[in-house]
Amino acid sequence: MAFASLSLKGRALRLLSQREHSRAELERKLAPHEQVPGELARVLDELAERGFISEARVVQSVLHQRAPRFGAARVRQELQARGIAADAVAEAVTRLQGSELERARAVWRRRFAAPPADARERARQARFLMARGFAGAIVARVLRGATEGGE
C-alpha cells in the first residue's frame, strides 16, 4: 500500500512540476492509477495542505499565459475546464474585462498588417478575434478603429 501511495504522490508531483494543476485536473489524471479507494483523495489533501495545490496559482498561471493572446470568454472556458470554482472564474474574468479592448487591439495588430479592405476581409478578421474569445462588441470596436485609422 505504501508503494501505491508513493506512486500516486510521485505522479502528482511530476504533473505539478510541469505546470500548475487544479485539484480537479489531478483527480482526473490520477484516478486511473488509484489502486485503493480513497487513496487519491488522501494524497491530494496532503499536497493541498502542504501548498503544492493552489487554485489561486492556477488562476494566476492561466491569466499570465493566456490573457495576452485570448479574450475573457476563452480564458473563462479554460478555467472552467481546469475545474476552478465558479466564483474564482468570475473574479478572474471581471479583472480581464477592463483590459479587453487593449488586448484585442494588440492581438489584432500582431496578426493583421492592415485594416480590412472589404466585407470579406472584415468578416475574416472578426472571426479570428472572436475565435480568440473576444466579445462581439469589442471586436466591432477594434475593427471600427482600424478602419477609421484609430490604430
C-alpha atoms as a PDB file:
ATOM      1  CA  MET A   1       0.000   0.000   0.000  1.00  0.00           C
ATOM      2  CA  ALA A   2       2.850   2.421   0.758  1.00  0.00           C
ATOM      3  CA  PHE A   3       4.248   1.877  -2.737  1.00  0.00           C
ATOM      4  CA  ALA A   4       0.920   2.749  -4.374  1.00  0.00           C
ATOM      5  CA  SER A   5       0.680   5.905  -2.244  1.00  0.00           C
ATOM      6  CA  LEU A   6       4.202   6.906  -3.195  1.00  0.00           C
ATOM      7  CA  SER A   7       3.397   6.199  -6.815  1.00  0.00           C
ATOM      8  CA  LEU A   8       0.316   8.427  -6.789  1.00  0.00           C
ATOM      9  CA  LYS A   9       2.136  11.162  -4.912  1.00  0.00           C
ATOM     10  CA  GLY A  10       5.088  10.859  -7.287  1.00  0.00           C
ATOM     11  CA  ARG A  11       2.811  11.114 -10.302  1.00  0.00           C
ATOM     12  CA  ALA A  12       1.058  14.140  -8.795  1.00  0.00           C
ATOM     13  CA  LEU A  13       4.349  15.865  -8.034  1.00  0.00           C
ATOM     14  CA  ARG A  14       5.598  15.158 -11.542  1.00  0.00           C
ATOM     15  CA  LEU A  15       2.475  16.751 -13.021  1.00  0.00           C
ATOM     16  CA  LEU A  16       2.782  19.732 -10.676  1.00  0.00           C
ATOM     17  CA  SER A  17       6.427  20.217 -11.612  1.00  0.00           C
ATOM     18  CA  GLN A  18       5.414  20.716 -15.254  1.00  0.00           C
ATOM     19  CA  ARG A  19       2.737  23.367 -14.590  1.00  0.00           C
ATOM     20  CA  GLU A  20       0.125  24.358 -12.043  1.00  0.00           C
ATOM     21  CA  HIS A  21      -2.769  21.892 -11.872  1.00  0.00           C
ATOM     22  CA  SER A  22      -6.076  22.254 -10.062  1.00  0.00           C
ATOM     23  CA  ARG A  23      -7.275  19.527  -7.755  1.00  0.00           C
ATOM     24  CA  ALA A  24      -9.938  18.537 -10.298  1.00  0.00           C
ATOM     25  CA  GLU A  25      -7.308  18.134 -13.031  1.00  0.00           C
ATOM     26  CA  LEU A  26      -5.136  15.973 -10.784  1.00  0.00           C
ATOM     27  CA  GLU A  27      -8.120  13.842  -9.802  1.00  0.00           C
ATOM     28  CA  ARG A  28      -9.000  13.293 -13.457  1.00  0.00           C
ATOM     29  CA  LYS A  29      -5.431  12.457 -14.478  1.00  0.00           C
ATOM     30  CA  LEU A  30      -4.561  10.271 -11.499  1.00  0.00           C
ATOM     31  CA  ALA A  31      -7.852   8.395 -10.999  1.00  0.00           C
ATOM     32  CA  PRO A  32      -6.884   5.560 -13.382  1.00  0.00           C
ATOM     33  CA  HIS A  33      -3.778   4.929 -11.248  1.00  0.00           C
ATOM     34  CA  GLU A  34      -5.588   4.729  -7.898  1.00  0.00           C
ATOM     35  CA  GLN A  35      -5.386   1.206  -6.517  1.00  0.00           C
ATOM     36  CA  VAL A  36      -7.002   1.663  -3.111  1.00  0.00           C
ATOM     37  CA  PRO A  37     -10.308   3.584  -2.882  1.00  0.00           C
ATOM     38  CA  GLY A  38      -9.837   6.888  -1.073  1.00  0.00           C
ATOM     39  CA  GLU A  39      -6.081   6.910  -1.554  1.00  0.00           C
ATOM     40  CA  LEU A  40      -6.136   9.608  -4.229  1.00  0.00           C
ATOM     41  CA  ALA A  41      -8.224  11.952  -2.090  1.00  0.00           C
ATOM     42  CA  ARG A  42      -5.822  11.457   0.830  1.00  0.00           C
ATOM     43  CA  VAL A  43      -2.771  12.188  -1.338  1.00  0.00           C
ATOM     44  CA  LEU A  44      -4.379  15.299  -2.842  1.00  0.00           C
ATOM     45  CA  ASP A  45      -5.464  16.509   0.609  1.00  0.00           C
ATOM     46  CA  GLU A  46      -1.882  16.162   1.818  1.00  0.00           C
ATOM     47  CA  LEU A  47      -0.491  18.026  -1.209  1.00  0.00           C
ATOM     48  CA  ALA A  48      -3.057  20.811  -0.797  1.00  0.00           C
ATOM     49  CA  GLU A  49      -2.271  21.071   2.911  1.00  0.00           C
ATOM     50  CA  ARG A  50       1.419  21.460   2.116  1.00  0.00           C
ATOM     51  CA  GLY A  51       0.702  24.135  -0.513  1.00  0.00           C
ATOM     52  CA  PHE A  52       1.528  22.127  -3.623  1.00  0.00           C
ATOM     53  CA  ILE A  53      -2.008  22.518  -4.986  1.00  0.00           C
ATOM     54  CA  SER A  54      -3.356  26.064  -5.145  1.00  0.00           C
ATOM     55  CA  GLU A  55      -6.398  27.202  -7.084  1.00  0.00           C
ATOM     56  CA  ALA A  56      -5.187  30.809  -6.874  1.00  0.00           C
ATOM     57  CA  ARG A  57      -1.872  29.880  -8.506  1.00  0.00           C
ATOM     58  CA  VAL A  58      -3.697  28.012 -11.278  1.00  0.00           C
ATOM     59  CA  VAL A  59      -5.819  31.104 -11.968  1.00  0.00           C
ATOM     60  CA  GLN A  60      -2.749  33.372 -11.967  1.00  0.00           C
ATOM     61  CA  SER A  61      -0.892  30.989 -14.264  1.00  0.00           C
ATOM     62  CA  VAL A  62      -3.741  30.857 -16.772  1.00  0.00           C
ATOM     63  CA  LEU A  63      -4.158  34.635 -16.693  1.00  0.00           C
ATOM     64  CA  HIS A  64      -0.441  35.190 -17.169  1.00  0.00           C
ATOM     65  CA  GLN A  65      -0.152  32.724 -20.062  1.00  0.00           C
ATOM     66  CA  ARG A  66      -3.455  33.201 -21.852  1.00  0.00           C
ATOM     67  CA  ALA A  67      -4.718  36.744 -21.265  1.00  0.00           C
ATOM     68  CA  PRO A  68      -2.258  38.450 -23.632  1.00  0.00           C
ATOM     69  CA  ARG A  69      -3.470  36.271 -26.523  1.00  0.00           C
ATOM     70  CA  PHE A  70      -7.085  35.489 -25.682  1.00  0.00           C
ATOM     71  CA  GLY A  71     -10.307  37.196 -24.655  1.00  0.00           C
ATOM     72  CA  ALA A  72     -12.203  36.787 -21.427  1.00  0.00           C
ATOM     73  CA  ALA A  73     -14.560  34.154 -22.862  1.00  0.00           C
ATOM     74  CA  ARG A  74     -11.686  31.889 -23.867  1.00  0.00           C
ATOM     75  CA  VAL A  75      -9.942  32.339 -20.506  1.00  0.00           C
ATOM     76  CA  ARG A  76     -13.227  31.580 -18.711  1.00  0.00           C
ATOM     77  CA  GLN A  77     -13.592  28.404 -20.752  1.00  0.00           C
ATOM     78  CA  GLU A  78     -10.075  27.260 -19.884  1.00  0.00           C
ATOM     79  CA  LEU A  79     -10.501  27.958 -16.168  1.00  0.00           C
ATOM     80  CA  GLN A  80     -13.790  26.064 -16.127  1.00  0.00           C
ATOM     81  CA  ALA A  81     -12.188  23.131 -17.957  1.00  0.00           C
ATOM     82  CA  ARG A  82      -9.498  23.030 -15.277  1.00  0.00           C
ATOM     83  CA  GLY A  83     -12.139  22.681 -12.585  1.00  0.00           C
ATOM     84  CA  ILE A  84     -11.722  26.081 -10.967  1.00  0.00           C
ATOM     85  CA  ALA A  85     -14.552  27.208  -8.668  1.00  0.00           C
ATOM     86  CA  ALA A  86     -17.186  29.401 -10.305  1.00  0.00           C
ATOM     87  CA  ASP A  87     -16.550  32.387  -8.024  1.00  0.00           C
ATOM     88  CA  ALA A  88     -12.798  32.349  -8.781  1.00  0.00           C
ATOM     89  CA  VAL A  89     -13.558  32.143 -12.517  1.00  0.00           C
ATOM     90  CA  ALA A  90     -15.994  35.052 -12.287  1.00  0.00           C
ATOM     91  CA  GLU A  91     -13.457  37.175 -10.385  1.00  0.00           C
ATOM     92  CA  ALA A  92     -10.701  36.430 -12.911  1.00  0.00           C
ATOM     93  CA  VAL A  93     -12.957  37.259 -15.871  1.00  0.00           C
ATOM     94  CA  THR A  94     -14.045  40.505 -14.202  1.00  0.00           C
ATOM     95  CA  ARG A  95     -10.386  41.507 -13.825  1.00  0.00           C
ATOM     96  CA  LEU A  96      -9.786  40.773 -17.520  1.00  0.00           C
ATOM     97  CA  GLN A  97     -12.715  42.730 -18.870  1.00  0.00           C
ATOM     98  CA  GLY A  98     -11.136  46.066 -18.017  1.00  0.00           C
ATOM     99  CA  SER A  99      -8.276  45.419 -20.442  1.00  0.00           C
ATOM    100  CA  GLU A 100     -10.250  43.515 -23.061  1.00  0.00           C
ATOM    101  CA  LEU A 101     -10.205  46.267 -25.712  1.00  0.00           C
ATOM    102  CA  GLU A 102      -6.464  46.900 -25.401  1.00  0.00           C
ATOM    103  CA  ARG A 103      -5.668  43.186 -25.501  1.00  0.00           C
ATOM    104  CA  ALA A 104      -7.900  42.677 -28.563  1.00  0.00           C
ATOM    105  CA  ARG A 105      -6.185  45.560 -30.342  1.00  0.00           C
ATOM    106  CA  ALA A 106      -2.769  44.079 -29.552  1.00  0.00           C
ATOM    107  CA  VAL A 107      -3.804  40.653 -30.860  1.00  0.00           C
ATOM    108  CA  TRP A 108      -5.260  42.265 -33.996  1.00  0.00           C
ATOM    109  CA  ARG A 109      -2.052  44.279 -34.610  1.00  0.00           C
ATOM    110  CA  ARG A 110       0.149  41.192 -34.272  1.00  0.00           C
ATOM    111  CA  ARG A 111      -1.960  39.227 -36.747  1.00  0.00           C
ATOM    112  CA  PHE A 112      -3.030  41.757 -39.361  1.00  0.00           C
ATOM    113  CA  ALA A 113      -0.900  44.312 -41.170  1.00  0.00           C
ATOM    114  CA  ALA A 114      -3.766  46.448 -42.455  1.00  0.00           C
ATOM    115  CA  PRO A 115      -7.403  47.269 -41.741  1.00  0.00           C
ATOM    116  CA  PRO A 116      -9.981  45.201 -43.611  1.00  0.00           C
ATOM    117  CA  ALA A 117     -10.302  46.356 -47.212  1.00  0.00           C
ATOM    118  CA  ASP A 118     -13.700  44.796 -47.867  1.00  0.00           C
ATOM    119  CA  ALA A 119     -16.554  42.961 -46.145  1.00  0.00           C
ATOM    120  CA  ARG A 120     -14.966  39.550 -46.702  1.00  0.00           C
ATOM    121  CA  GLU A 121     -11.701  40.576 -45.059  1.00  0.00           C
ATOM    122  CA  ARG A 122     -13.602  42.286 -42.234  1.00  0.00           C
ATOM    123  CA  ALA A 123     -15.503  39.051 -41.583  1.00  0.00           C
ATOM    124  CA  ARG A 124     -12.255  37.067 -41.602  1.00  0.00           C
ATOM    125  CA  GLN A 125     -10.622  39.390 -39.090  1.00  0.00           C
ATOM    126  CA  ALA A 126     -13.749  39.371 -36.908  1.00  0.00           C
ATOM    127  CA  ARG A 127     -13.852  35.553 -36.920  1.00  0.00           C
ATOM    128  CA  PHE A 128     -10.196  35.456 -35.910  1.00  0.00           C
ATOM    129  CA  LEU A 129     -10.745  37.728 -32.909  1.00  0.00           C
ATOM    130  CA  MET A 130     -13.968  36.030 -31.864  1.00  0.00           C
ATOM    131  CA  ALA A 131     -12.304  32.618 -32.021  1.00  0.00           C
ATOM    132  CA  ARG A 132      -9.752  34.020 -29.580  1.00  0.00           C
ATOM    133  CA  GLY A 133     -12.593  34.679 -27.127  1.00  0.00           C
ATOM    134  CA  PHE A 134     -13.120  38.397 -27.573  1.00  0.00           C
ATOM    135  CA  ALA A 135     -16.697  39.674 -27.307  1.00  0.00           C
ATOM    136  CA  GLY A 136     -18.516  40.803 -30.434  1.00  0.00           C
ATOM    137  CA  ALA A 137     -18.771  44.404 -29.213  1.00  0.00           C
ATOM    138  CA  ILE A 138     -15.021  44.506 -28.562  1.00  0.00           C
ATOM    139  CA  VAL A 139     -14.277  43.019 -31.994  1.00  0.00           C
ATOM    140  CA  ALA A 140     -16.516  45.624 -33.640  1.00  0.00           C
ATOM    141  CA  ARG A 141     -14.703  48.445 -31.800  1.00  0.00           C
ATOM    142  CA  VAL A 142     -11.289  47.091 -32.803  1.00  0.00           C
ATOM    143  CA  LEU A 143     -12.249  46.777 -36.467  1.00  0.00           C
ATOM    144  CA  ARG A 144     -14.040  50.125 -36.492  1.00  0.00           C
ATOM    145  CA  GLY A 145     -10.922  51.754 -35.018  1.00  0.00           C
ATOM    146  CA  ALA A 146      -8.708  50.011 -37.569  1.00  0.00           C
ATOM    147  CA  THR A 147     -10.887  51.138 -40.466  1.00  0.00           C
ATOM    148  CA  GLU A 148     -11.089  54.716 -39.196  1.00  0.00           C
ATOM    149  CA  GLY A 149      -7.342  54.856 -38.732  1.00  0.00           C
ATOM    150  CA  GLY A 150      -7.604  54.809 -34.935  1.00  0.00           C
ATOM    151  CA  GLU A 151      -4.907  52.166 -34.701  1.00  0.00           C
END
